[in-house]
Amino acid sequence: MSETPNYDSEYDAIVVGAGLAGSTAALTMARDGLDVIMIERGPSPGTKNVFGGVLYTPRIRELTDFDDAPKERYVAKKTYSMLSEEGDETSMSIAPSSWREEPHNNSWMVLRADFDEWFAEQAVEAGAMLVTETTVTDLIKENGEVVGVETDRPDGELRAPMVVLAEGANSLVSEAAGLKDRDDRDNVAVSVKEVRKYDREKLEDRFHIDGDAGLAAHYFGDGACGDAVGGGFLYTNKRTVSIGVVYSIEDAAHDKKTPDEVLEEFKQHPAVAPLVRGGRMVEYSAHAIPEGGPDSMPELVHDGAVIVGDAAGLVLNSGVHLEGTNMAVESGYHAGRAVADALAQGRTDEAALASYETNLRDSYVVENLEHYGWFMDTAAEEKEFLFDDLPRALGRAGDAYFKMDNTPKDEHVSEAKSHILDATGGWLGAAKKAWKFRKMLS
C-alpha cells in the first residue's frame, strides 16, 4: 500500500520507478537493512510498465517465493515465423519436454499490472516504503553529486545519500540531469500491443494448450511489420492473448503508416488472423524499447546515483533471443548490493559504487549484450534481405519443394534452391550472409 512520505526525513536510498529493476533494487537494499523509499508515477506499480509478455525468472526465484506470484502461463512452446506481405508463412517450433517441468525454463507469461504490484509489495514487506502517483521531476545535486530528487508533490524535495534511477526507456530525469545522453532514434524501437480476452476453453483449444502451458510466438518479415526492422509477437495468457508489433523508431518516422495501422495489418495476415479472431480488446499500450546494444549504454555509476534496467539500455534482441526482464532484475540486484556495500563504508562516490558495473559486466547480462549487440545494426544493413527478400524466397521455395504435379522431384528441389540463391545473391552471397549472421545461433 502506498504511503505519504515524510519529506523532512532523510532516507538511505531513493528508487525512481517501481518496475522490475526498481523493485529488485529496493528489495535488495531493504533486506540489507537500508531505509528505502520507492517512488512510482503510476497509481500502482505496473500500470505504467509495458512489455510483450514473457518474464524470465532466475533471479526473481532466488529473491521471492515465486509460487505465490501472479502469473499467467509458462512458455511450453516457442514458434518463429517468417511472413511475407503476399501471405506466405515459413515457421519452426520448439517445445522441449523439459519446459513442461519445473522450473519451466524460467519463462512465464505475466501481466505487468498484476505482477509488478505483487513484486513491489515484496520490497515493502522487506521494509521499503512505496509512494505512488508521484513523479520525480529532477535530481538534486550538490558539488556535482546527486543528493536527492524533486517531485511534483507540494514541497516535494526528498533527500538521500543514494538514488537508484529505474525510470525506464524514457529517462527524462537522467537525461535532464546530464547523467545520460538522449538515445539516438536508430537505437530505439516503438512497440504497440493490445490484450484480447477470450473464453479460456476456446483459447486453449485454439492454441492447442492446456493447464498452465502457453505459447510464445514471434513473427518476422514484411508481413509482420512492413518495410521496417522489427517483428510481431503473440503470447497466450490464461484468458487473454497479448499481440503486438515492435519496430525501429527510425523506420516508423519515415513510414506513412501509424503504429496502430501496422498492428492492424499484422493481425490481418493469413497466418495471424485466425489466432486473434473474435475476443474483446481489454488493454492497449505503446512504449519505447532501447535496442542500441552495449555501445549505447550510458555510464551506469555516478556520484550518488546508479542507473538500472531499461534506463541503462539493458535489452537484448538477437533475432532469436528477445530478453529484457531478466536483465532489469539482474541490474537492480547488483545495484542494490553495490549501494548497500558503499553505504556500509560511509561512501557514495562513483568509485565506491563501481562494483555494480563490475558485477554486471561479469554476469551474463553484459556478456550477452556484447556477444549479440551487433545484430540490430546488421539487421538494419540487411533490411531488404531479411525482411523482404528472405520471407518471400522461403515461401516460394516451400511451394516449389512440396509442389504436387507431373514434374520430377529433383526439378522441384532445383527450383526451391534457385529461389533461395536468388535472394542471397548466389552461392557466394549465401556464404557471405551465413558468415555475417553466424553469431545468431552461437
Protein backbone atom coordinates (compact mmCIF):
# COMPACT_ATOMS: atom_id res chain seq x y z
CA MET A 1 0.00 0.00 0.00
CA SER A 2 1.27 3.46 -0.89
CA GLU A 3 2.21 5.83 1.93
CA THR A 4 2.71 9.57 2.31
CA PRO A 5 6.43 10.21 2.80
CA ASN A 6 7.91 12.49 5.42
CA TYR A 7 9.82 14.91 3.24
CA ASP A 8 11.81 16.22 6.20
CA SER A 9 13.36 12.82 6.82
CA GLU A 10 16.44 11.51 5.10
CA TYR A 11 16.34 8.02 3.62
CA ASP A 12 19.32 5.88 2.82
CA ALA A 13 18.23 5.44 -0.79
CA ILE A 14 15.58 6.70 -3.18
CA VAL A 15 14.45 4.44 -6.03
CA VAL A 16 12.87 6.21 -9.00
CA GLY A 17 10.41 3.77 -10.58
CA ALA A 18 8.73 0.64 -9.21
CA GLY A 19 9.20 -1.61 -12.22
CA LEU A 20 11.22 -4.80 -12.22
CA ALA A 21 14.62 -3.14 -11.84
CA GLY A 22 13.45 -0.62 -9.25
CA SER A 23 11.59 -3.12 -7.08
CA THR A 24 14.54 -5.52 -7.20
CA ALA A 25 16.92 -2.79 -6.07
CA ALA A 26 14.52 -1.70 -3.30
CA LEU A 27 14.00 -5.30 -2.13
CA THR A 28 17.73 -5.99 -2.10
CA MET A 29 18.60 -2.82 -0.19
CA ALA A 30 15.74 -3.20 2.30
CA ARG A 31 16.87 -6.72 3.14
CA ASP A 32 20.32 -5.30 3.80
CA GLY A 33 18.77 -3.01 6.39
CA LEU A 34 18.62 0.24 4.42
CA ASP A 35 15.83 2.77 4.78
CA VAL A 36 14.49 2.83 1.21
CA ILE A 37 11.74 4.84 -0.47
CA MET A 38 10.46 3.83 -3.90
CA ILE A 39 8.66 6.45 -5.99
CA GLU A 40 6.23 5.39 -8.72
CA ARG A 41 4.43 7.83 -11.01
CA GLY A 42 1.53 5.47 -11.75
CA PRO A 43 -1.41 4.80 -9.44
CA SER A 44 0.19 1.43 -8.66
CA PRO A 45 3.32 -0.42 -9.82
CA GLY A 46 2.87 -1.92 -13.27
CA THR A 47 0.25 0.47 -14.60
CA LYS A 48 2.94 2.43 -16.47
CA ASN A 49 5.09 -0.59 -17.35
CA VAL A 50 4.61 -2.25 -20.71
CA PHE A 51 6.28 -5.27 -22.32
CA GLY A 52 5.44 -8.08 -24.67
CA GLY A 53 4.58 -10.65 -22.12
CA VAL A 54 7.37 -13.06 -21.08
CA LEU A 55 9.07 -12.76 -17.71
CA TYR A 56 12.37 -14.61 -17.25
CA THR A 57 12.67 -15.62 -13.62
CA PRO A 58 16.08 -17.00 -12.47
CA ARG A 59 16.95 -14.15 -10.08
CA ILE A 60 13.34 -13.50 -9.07
CA ARG A 61 13.07 -17.10 -7.88
CA GLU A 62 16.09 -16.53 -5.63
CA LEU A 63 14.61 -13.35 -4.16
CA THR A 64 10.96 -14.34 -3.69
CA ASP A 65 8.56 -17.20 -3.22
CA PHE A 66 7.69 -17.25 -6.90
CA ASP A 67 4.96 -19.82 -6.40
CA ASP A 68 2.87 -17.04 -4.84
CA ALA A 69 3.41 -14.64 -7.73
CA PRO A 70 0.50 -13.69 -10.03
CA LYS A 71 1.44 -15.30 -13.32
CA GLU A 72 -0.41 -16.48 -16.40
CA ARG A 73 1.20 -19.39 -18.25
CA TYR A 74 4.68 -20.83 -18.60
CA VAL A 75 6.23 -20.95 -22.06
CA ALA A 76 5.76 -24.55 -23.17
CA LYS A 77 6.31 -23.80 -26.85
CA LYS A 78 8.05 -21.15 -28.94
CA THR A 79 7.43 -20.53 -32.61
CA TYR A 80 9.39 -18.39 -35.06
CA SER A 81 7.68 -17.48 -38.33
CA MET A 82 8.78 -15.55 -41.41
CA LEU A 83 5.83 -13.78 -43.02
CA SER A 84 5.69 -12.16 -46.45
CA GLU A 85 3.27 -9.44 -47.47
CA GLU A 86 1.83 -11.84 -50.03
CA GLY A 87 0.64 -14.11 -47.21
CA ASP A 88 3.46 -16.69 -47.08
CA GLU A 89 4.42 -18.24 -43.75
CA THR A 90 7.52 -20.33 -43.02
CA SER A 91 7.71 -21.49 -39.41
CA MET A 92 9.63 -23.56 -36.91
CA SER A 93 8.57 -24.51 -33.40
CA ILE A 94 10.44 -25.58 -30.28
CA ALA A 95 8.72 -27.44 -27.43
CA PRO A 96 11.21 -29.45 -25.34
CA SER A 97 9.54 -31.80 -22.87
CA SER A 98 11.68 -30.31 -20.09
CA TRP A 99 9.85 -27.00 -20.43
CA ARG A 100 6.74 -28.67 -19.03
CA GLU A 101 8.61 -29.47 -15.83
CA GLU A 102 9.62 -27.11 -13.02
CA PRO A 103 11.05 -24.50 -13.27
CA HIS A 104 9.62 -24.38 -16.82
CA ASN A 105 12.81 -22.92 -18.29
CA ASN A 106 12.29 -19.88 -16.02
CA SER A 107 9.90 -18.41 -18.61
CA TRP A 108 6.41 -17.21 -17.70
CA MET A 109 3.83 -15.01 -19.34
CA VAL A 110 2.65 -12.35 -16.89
CA LEU A 111 0.53 -9.22 -16.88
CA ARG A 112 2.68 -6.39 -15.58
CA ALA A 113 -0.10 -4.58 -13.73
CA ASP A 114 -0.60 -7.68 -11.59
CA PHE A 115 2.97 -8.91 -11.30
CA ASP A 116 4.68 -5.57 -10.66
CA GLU A 117 2.25 -4.70 -7.88
CA TRP A 118 2.98 -8.04 -6.19
CA PHE A 119 6.73 -7.68 -6.70
CA ALA A 120 6.80 -4.15 -5.27
CA GLU A 121 4.88 -5.47 -2.27
CA GLN A 122 7.76 -7.90 -1.63
CA ALA A 123 10.03 -4.87 -1.26
CA VAL A 124 7.50 -3.19 1.05
CA GLU A 125 7.29 -6.30 3.22
CA ALA A 126 11.08 -6.23 3.44
CA GLY A 127 10.89 -2.68 4.82
CA ALA A 128 10.88 -0.37 1.80
CA MET A 129 8.36 2.46 1.53
CA LEU A 130 6.30 2.82 -1.66
CA VAL A 131 4.85 6.14 -2.81
CA THR A 132 2.63 6.15 -5.91
CA GLU A 133 1.12 8.84 -8.13
CA THR A 134 4.27 10.87 -7.66
CA THR A 135 6.55 11.99 -10.48
CA VAL A 136 10.22 12.73 -9.98
CA THR A 137 10.87 15.91 -11.95
CA ASP A 138 14.58 16.48 -11.31
CA LEU A 139 17.62 15.38 -9.38
CA ILE A 140 19.14 17.48 -6.61
CA LYS A 141 22.88 17.91 -6.95
CA GLU A 142 25.43 19.43 -4.61
CA ASN A 143 29.04 19.83 -5.72
CA GLY A 144 28.32 17.55 -8.67
CA GLU A 145 26.94 14.73 -6.51
CA VAL A 146 23.34 13.52 -6.59
CA VAL A 147 21.82 14.01 -3.12
CA GLY A 148 18.09 13.66 -3.73
CA VAL A 149 15.14 14.28 -6.01
CA GLU A 150 12.47 16.87 -6.72
CA THR A 151 8.91 15.60 -7.11
CA ASP A 152 5.63 17.08 -8.29
CA ARG A 153 4.18 17.00 -4.79
CA PRO A 154 3.96 20.23 -2.78
CA ASP A 155 7.29 20.82 -1.05
CA GLY A 156 8.31 17.60 -2.72
CA GLU A 157 12.06 17.70 -2.21
CA LEU A 158 13.37 14.36 -1.00
CA ARG A 159 16.98 13.76 0.02
CA ALA A 160 19.06 10.64 0.41
CA PRO A 161 22.71 9.66 0.04
CA MET A 162 21.86 7.40 -2.91
CA VAL A 163 19.43 7.49 -5.83
CA VAL A 164 18.67 4.45 -8.00
CA LEU A 165 17.30 5.54 -11.38
CA ALA A 166 14.90 2.89 -12.70
CA GLU A 167 12.74 5.21 -14.78
CA GLY A 168 12.57 3.09 -17.92
CA ALA A 169 13.42 3.78 -21.55
CA ASN A 170 12.10 7.36 -21.40
CA SER A 171 14.79 8.50 -18.99
CA LEU A 172 13.81 12.16 -18.81
CA VAL A 173 15.21 12.75 -15.32
CA SER A 174 18.58 11.12 -16.03
CA GLU A 175 18.87 12.98 -19.32
CA ALA A 176 17.92 16.36 -17.84
CA ALA A 177 20.49 15.88 -15.08
CA GLY A 178 23.22 15.08 -17.61
CA LEU A 179 23.72 11.51 -16.40
CA LYS A 180 22.97 10.06 -19.83
CA ASP A 181 22.53 11.30 -23.38
CA ARG A 182 19.24 11.11 -25.14
CA ASP A 183 19.03 7.87 -27.14
CA ASP A 184 19.55 8.19 -30.87
CA ARG A 185 16.43 7.43 -32.83
CA ASP A 186 18.06 4.46 -34.54
CA ASN A 187 18.76 2.89 -31.13
CA VAL A 188 15.12 2.84 -30.03
CA ALA A 189 12.15 0.75 -31.11
CA VAL A 190 8.46 1.51 -30.73
CA SER A 191 6.05 -1.20 -29.65
CA VAL A 192 2.27 -1.26 -29.69
CA LYS A 193 0.30 -4.05 -28.07
CA GLU A 194 -3.26 -5.00 -27.37
CA VAL A 195 -4.61 -7.62 -25.00
CA ARG A 196 -7.70 -9.51 -26.18
CA LYS A 197 -9.94 -11.53 -23.89
CA TYR A 198 -11.37 -14.95 -24.79
CA ASP A 199 -13.17 -17.79 -23.12
CA ARG A 200 -10.42 -19.88 -21.51
CA GLU A 201 -11.55 -23.17 -23.04
CA LYS A 202 -11.77 -21.66 -26.52
CA LEU A 203 -8.34 -20.07 -26.11
CA GLU A 204 -6.78 -23.38 -25.11
CA ASP A 205 -8.46 -25.22 -27.97
CA ARG A 206 -7.33 -22.59 -30.47
CA PHE A 207 -3.67 -22.76 -29.42
CA HIS A 208 -3.57 -26.47 -28.51
CA ILE A 209 -2.53 -25.80 -24.92
CA ASP A 210 -3.83 -26.94 -21.57
CA GLY A 211 -3.28 -26.44 -17.86
CA ASP A 212 -0.73 -23.69 -17.29
CA ALA A 213 1.11 -24.31 -20.57
CA GLY A 214 1.35 -21.44 -23.04
CA LEU A 215 2.68 -20.35 -26.42
CA ALA A 216 5.19 -17.61 -27.22
CA ALA A 217 5.05 -16.84 -30.95
CA HIS A 218 7.41 -14.49 -32.79
CA TYR A 219 6.98 -13.20 -36.34
CA PHE A 220 9.41 -11.53 -38.74
CA GLY A 221 9.32 -10.19 -42.28
CA ASP A 222 7.39 -7.54 -44.18
CA GLY A 223 4.22 -9.49 -43.44
CA ALA A 224 4.73 -8.70 -39.75
CA CYS A 225 5.60 -5.00 -39.75
CA GLY A 226 6.04 -3.82 -43.33
CA ASP A 227 9.29 -2.33 -44.59
CA ALA A 228 10.81 -1.95 -41.14
CA VAL A 229 13.37 -3.63 -38.91
CA GLY A 230 11.19 -5.41 -36.38
CA GLY A 231 8.57 -8.06 -35.92
CA GLY A 232 5.36 -9.17 -34.30
CA PHE A 233 4.59 -11.24 -31.24
CA LEU A 234 1.75 -13.21 -29.68
CA TYR A 235 1.67 -14.56 -26.14
CA THR A 236 -1.08 -16.62 -24.54
CA ASN A 237 -2.24 -15.77 -21.03
CA LYS A 238 -4.89 -17.62 -19.02
CA ARG A 239 -7.87 -15.92 -20.61
CA THR A 240 -6.26 -13.31 -22.82
CA VAL A 241 -3.85 -13.06 -25.74
CA SER A 242 -1.19 -10.35 -25.94
CA ILE A 243 -0.47 -9.40 -29.55
CA GLY A 244 1.70 -6.61 -30.86
CA VAL A 245 4.47 -5.33 -33.07
CA VAL A 246 7.83 -3.78 -32.29
CA TYR A 247 9.95 -1.98 -34.85
CA SER A 248 12.56 0.72 -35.31
CA ILE A 249 11.51 4.28 -34.47
CA GLU A 250 13.76 5.39 -37.32
CA ASP A 251 11.63 3.33 -39.70
CA ALA A 252 8.44 4.47 -38.01
CA ALA A 253 9.43 8.10 -38.56
CA HIS A 254 9.67 7.52 -42.32
CA ASP A 255 6.65 5.24 -42.55
CA LYS A 256 3.37 6.61 -43.86
CA LYS A 257 1.54 4.17 -41.58
CA THR A 258 0.93 4.75 -37.90
CA PRO A 259 1.94 2.04 -35.41
CA ASP A 260 -1.76 1.28 -34.97
CA GLU A 261 -2.10 0.64 -38.70
CA VAL A 262 0.99 -1.59 -38.70
CA LEU A 263 -0.53 -3.64 -35.87
CA GLU A 264 -3.86 -3.94 -37.67
CA GLU A 265 -2.16 -5.16 -40.86
CA PHE A 266 -0.19 -7.72 -38.85
CA LYS A 267 -3.41 -9.00 -37.28
CA GLN A 268 -4.92 -9.42 -40.75
CA HIS A 269 -2.09 -11.60 -42.11
CA PRO A 270 -3.43 -15.08 -43.02
CA ALA A 271 -1.04 -16.69 -40.52
CA VAL A 272 -2.24 -14.49 -37.67
CA ALA A 273 -5.88 -13.59 -38.33
CA PRO A 274 -7.37 -16.97 -37.28
CA LEU A 275 -5.45 -16.80 -34.00
CA VAL A 276 -6.86 -13.44 -32.89
CA ARG A 277 -10.33 -13.63 -34.42
CA GLY A 278 -13.10 -12.64 -32.04
CA GLY A 279 -12.47 -11.79 -28.45
CA ARG A 280 -12.67 -8.38 -26.86
CA MET A 281 -9.84 -5.87 -26.51
CA VAL A 282 -9.30 -5.13 -22.81
CA GLU A 283 -6.00 -3.28 -22.95
CA TYR A 284 -3.98 -1.18 -25.38
CA SER A 285 -0.49 0.16 -24.78
CA ALA A 286 2.52 1.63 -26.54
CA HIS A 287 6.07 2.17 -25.36
CA ALA A 288 9.69 2.64 -26.36
CA ILE A 289 12.34 -0.07 -26.15
CA PRO A 290 16.12 0.57 -26.12
CA GLU A 291 17.87 -1.56 -28.73
CA GLY A 292 21.23 0.11 -29.13
CA GLY A 293 23.25 -2.69 -27.56
CA PRO A 294 26.35 -2.25 -25.40
CA ASP A 295 27.70 0.69 -27.41
CA SER A 296 24.70 2.83 -26.48
CA MET A 297 24.72 2.01 -22.76
CA PRO A 298 25.17 5.12 -20.60
CA GLU A 299 27.60 5.43 -17.72
CA LEU A 300 25.89 3.30 -15.08
CA VAL A 301 27.58 4.72 -11.99
CA HIS A 302 27.75 8.33 -10.80
CA ASP A 303 28.48 10.09 -7.54
CA GLY A 304 25.34 9.40 -5.54
CA ALA A 305 23.41 7.59 -8.27
CA VAL A 306 23.21 4.42 -10.36
CA ILE A 307 21.15 3.67 -13.49
CA VAL A 308 19.38 0.32 -13.94
CA GLY A 309 17.03 -1.60 -16.25
CA ASP A 310 15.69 -0.10 -19.47
CA ALA A 311 17.15 3.26 -18.48
CA ALA A 312 20.56 1.58 -18.74
CA GLY A 313 19.73 0.14 -22.18
CA LEU A 314 19.69 -3.45 -20.92
CA VAL A 315 17.59 -5.11 -23.61
CA LEU A 316 18.72 -7.95 -25.87
CA ASN A 317 17.41 -8.63 -29.37
CA SER A 318 19.45 -11.16 -31.30
CA GLY A 319 16.65 -12.10 -33.67
CA VAL A 320 16.27 -15.33 -31.70
CA HIS A 321 16.74 -14.19 -28.10
CA LEU A 322 14.37 -11.42 -27.02
CA GLU A 323 15.16 -10.51 -23.42
CA GLY A 324 14.93 -7.60 -21.03
CA THR A 325 13.01 -8.56 -17.90
CA ASN A 326 15.80 -10.80 -16.61
CA MET A 327 18.37 -8.10 -17.29
CA ALA A 328 16.30 -5.48 -15.48
CA VAL A 329 16.08 -7.70 -12.40
CA GLU A 330 19.77 -8.60 -12.53
CA SER A 331 20.81 -4.95 -12.78
CA GLY A 332 18.54 -3.98 -9.89
CA TYR A 333 20.01 -6.75 -7.77
CA HIS A 334 23.64 -5.81 -8.41
CA ALA A 335 22.86 -2.11 -8.00
CA GLY A 336 21.15 -2.75 -4.66
CA ARG A 337 24.10 -4.77 -3.40
CA ALA A 338 26.58 -2.11 -4.51
CA VAL A 339 24.62 0.68 -2.81
CA ALA A 340 24.38 -1.29 0.43
CA ASP A 341 28.11 -2.05 0.39
CA ALA A 342 29.02 1.58 -0.35
CA LEU A 343 26.82 2.99 2.40
CA ALA A 344 28.24 0.44 4.85
CA GLN A 345 31.59 2.15 4.18
CA GLY A 346 30.03 5.58 4.59
CA ARG A 347 30.66 6.40 0.93
CA THR A 348 28.53 7.45 -2.03
CA ASP A 349 31.19 8.26 -4.60
CA GLU A 350 31.45 6.66 -8.02
CA ALA A 351 34.45 4.54 -7.03
CA ALA A 352 32.59 3.05 -4.07
CA LEU A 353 29.72 2.06 -6.37
CA ALA A 354 31.93 0.58 -9.08
CA SER A 355 31.13 -2.98 -8.01
CA TYR A 356 27.67 -2.55 -9.58
CA GLU A 357 29.09 -2.15 -13.06
CA THR A 358 31.87 -4.67 -12.44
CA ASN A 359 29.46 -7.38 -11.31
CA LEU A 360 27.01 -6.60 -14.10
CA ARG A 361 29.78 -6.87 -16.68
CA ASP A 362 30.92 -10.14 -15.14
CA SER A 363 27.38 -11.52 -15.35
CA TYR A 364 25.54 -12.92 -18.35
CA VAL A 365 23.89 -9.52 -18.92
CA VAL A 366 26.71 -7.55 -20.50
CA GLU A 367 28.34 -10.69 -21.91
CA ASN A 368 25.16 -11.44 -23.86
CA LEU A 369 24.75 -7.84 -24.96
CA GLU A 370 28.31 -7.73 -26.25
CA HIS A 371 28.01 -11.12 -27.95
CA TYR A 372 24.76 -10.27 -29.76
CA GLY A 373 24.87 -6.48 -29.80
CA TRP A 374 25.84 -6.44 -33.46
CA PHE A 375 22.51 -7.87 -34.61
CA MET A 376 20.34 -4.76 -34.80
CA ASP A 377 22.92 -2.80 -36.81
CA THR A 378 23.40 -5.75 -39.16
CA ALA A 379 19.64 -6.21 -39.46
CA ALA A 380 19.33 -2.57 -40.50
CA GLU A 381 22.10 -3.02 -43.09
CA GLU A 382 20.45 -6.17 -44.43
CA LYS A 383 16.86 -4.94 -44.04
CA GLU A 384 15.80 -5.63 -47.61
CA PHE A 385 17.18 -9.17 -47.49
CA LEU A 386 15.96 -10.13 -44.01
CA PHE A 387 12.52 -8.58 -44.04
CA ASP A 388 11.56 -8.54 -47.74
CA ASP A 389 13.55 -10.96 -49.89
CA LEU A 390 14.04 -13.83 -47.43
CA PRO A 391 10.41 -14.30 -46.28
CA ARG A 392 9.26 -14.24 -49.90
CA ALA A 393 12.02 -16.62 -51.03
CA LEU A 394 11.24 -19.08 -48.24
CA GLY A 395 7.57 -19.07 -49.19
CA ARG A 396 8.35 -19.68 -52.86
CA ALA A 397 10.96 -22.32 -52.02
CA GLY A 398 8.46 -24.17 -49.84
CA ASP A 399 5.88 -24.02 -52.59
CA ALA A 400 8.37 -25.39 -55.12
CA TYR A 401 9.81 -28.11 -52.88
CA PHE A 402 6.42 -29.59 -51.96
CA LYS A 403 4.74 -28.99 -55.32
CA MET A 404 2.44 -31.78 -56.48
CA ASP A 405 2.42 -32.06 -60.28
CA ASN A 406 3.80 -34.28 -63.03
CA THR A 407 7.33 -32.87 -62.71
CA PRO A 408 10.17 -34.99 -61.23
CA LYS A 409 11.04 -34.13 -57.63
CA ASP A 410 14.63 -33.19 -58.45
CA GLU A 411 13.30 -30.34 -60.57
CA HIS A 412 11.24 -29.16 -57.60
CA VAL A 413 14.37 -29.20 -55.43
CA SER A 414 16.33 -27.24 -58.04
CA GLU A 415 13.57 -24.65 -58.25
CA ALA A 416 13.46 -24.32 -54.46
CA LYS A 417 17.24 -23.81 -54.34
CA SER A 418 17.05 -21.18 -57.06
CA HIS A 419 14.58 -19.10 -55.04
CA ILE A 420 16.91 -19.09 -52.04
CA LEU A 421 20.01 -18.39 -54.11
CA ASP A 422 18.30 -15.56 -55.96
CA ALA A 423 17.51 -13.93 -52.62
CA THR A 424 21.02 -14.38 -51.23
CA GLY A 425 22.90 -13.42 -54.40
CA GLY A 426 24.13 -16.86 -55.41
CA TRP A 427 26.33 -19.32 -53.57
CA LEU A 428 28.94 -16.68 -52.74
CA GLY A 429 26.27 -14.32 -51.46
CA ALA A 430 24.76 -17.11 -49.39
CA ALA A 431 28.15 -17.88 -47.86
CA LYS A 432 28.75 -14.21 -47.03
CA LYS A 433 25.35 -13.86 -45.39
CA ALA A 434 25.80 -17.10 -43.45
CA TRP A 435 29.12 -15.78 -42.15
CA LYS A 436 27.62 -12.40 -41.29
CA PHE A 437 24.79 -13.92 -39.25
CA ARG A 438 26.73 -16.88 -37.82
CA LYS A 439 26.59 -15.50 -34.25
CA MET A 440 22.79 -15.65 -34.17
CA LEU A 441 22.98 -19.34 -33.30
CA SER A 442 26.27 -19.33 -31.39
